[in-house]
Amino acid sequence: RFGSCAKDMIDMRHKWFLRSAEPVQQYEFINKEHYIAFQQAINSLLDNTSNDTPTLP
């Protein structure tokens, strides 16, 4: 259960970051490729955790 709780906390933090990130702020990353890789990692994480935590909004 501790692992799933940690996943939920990380998932919520990423969702909050994605909601608060403005298009201009996105390009404050080191470079565009870095941001794209970051987005892909977040998307894969959300896809993996969504199946394990159906109660998340």
Foldseek 3Di string as FASTA:
>chain_A
DVVLVVLVVVLVVVVVCVVPDDPVNLCVPPHPVVSVVVVVVSVVSCVVSCVVCVPDD
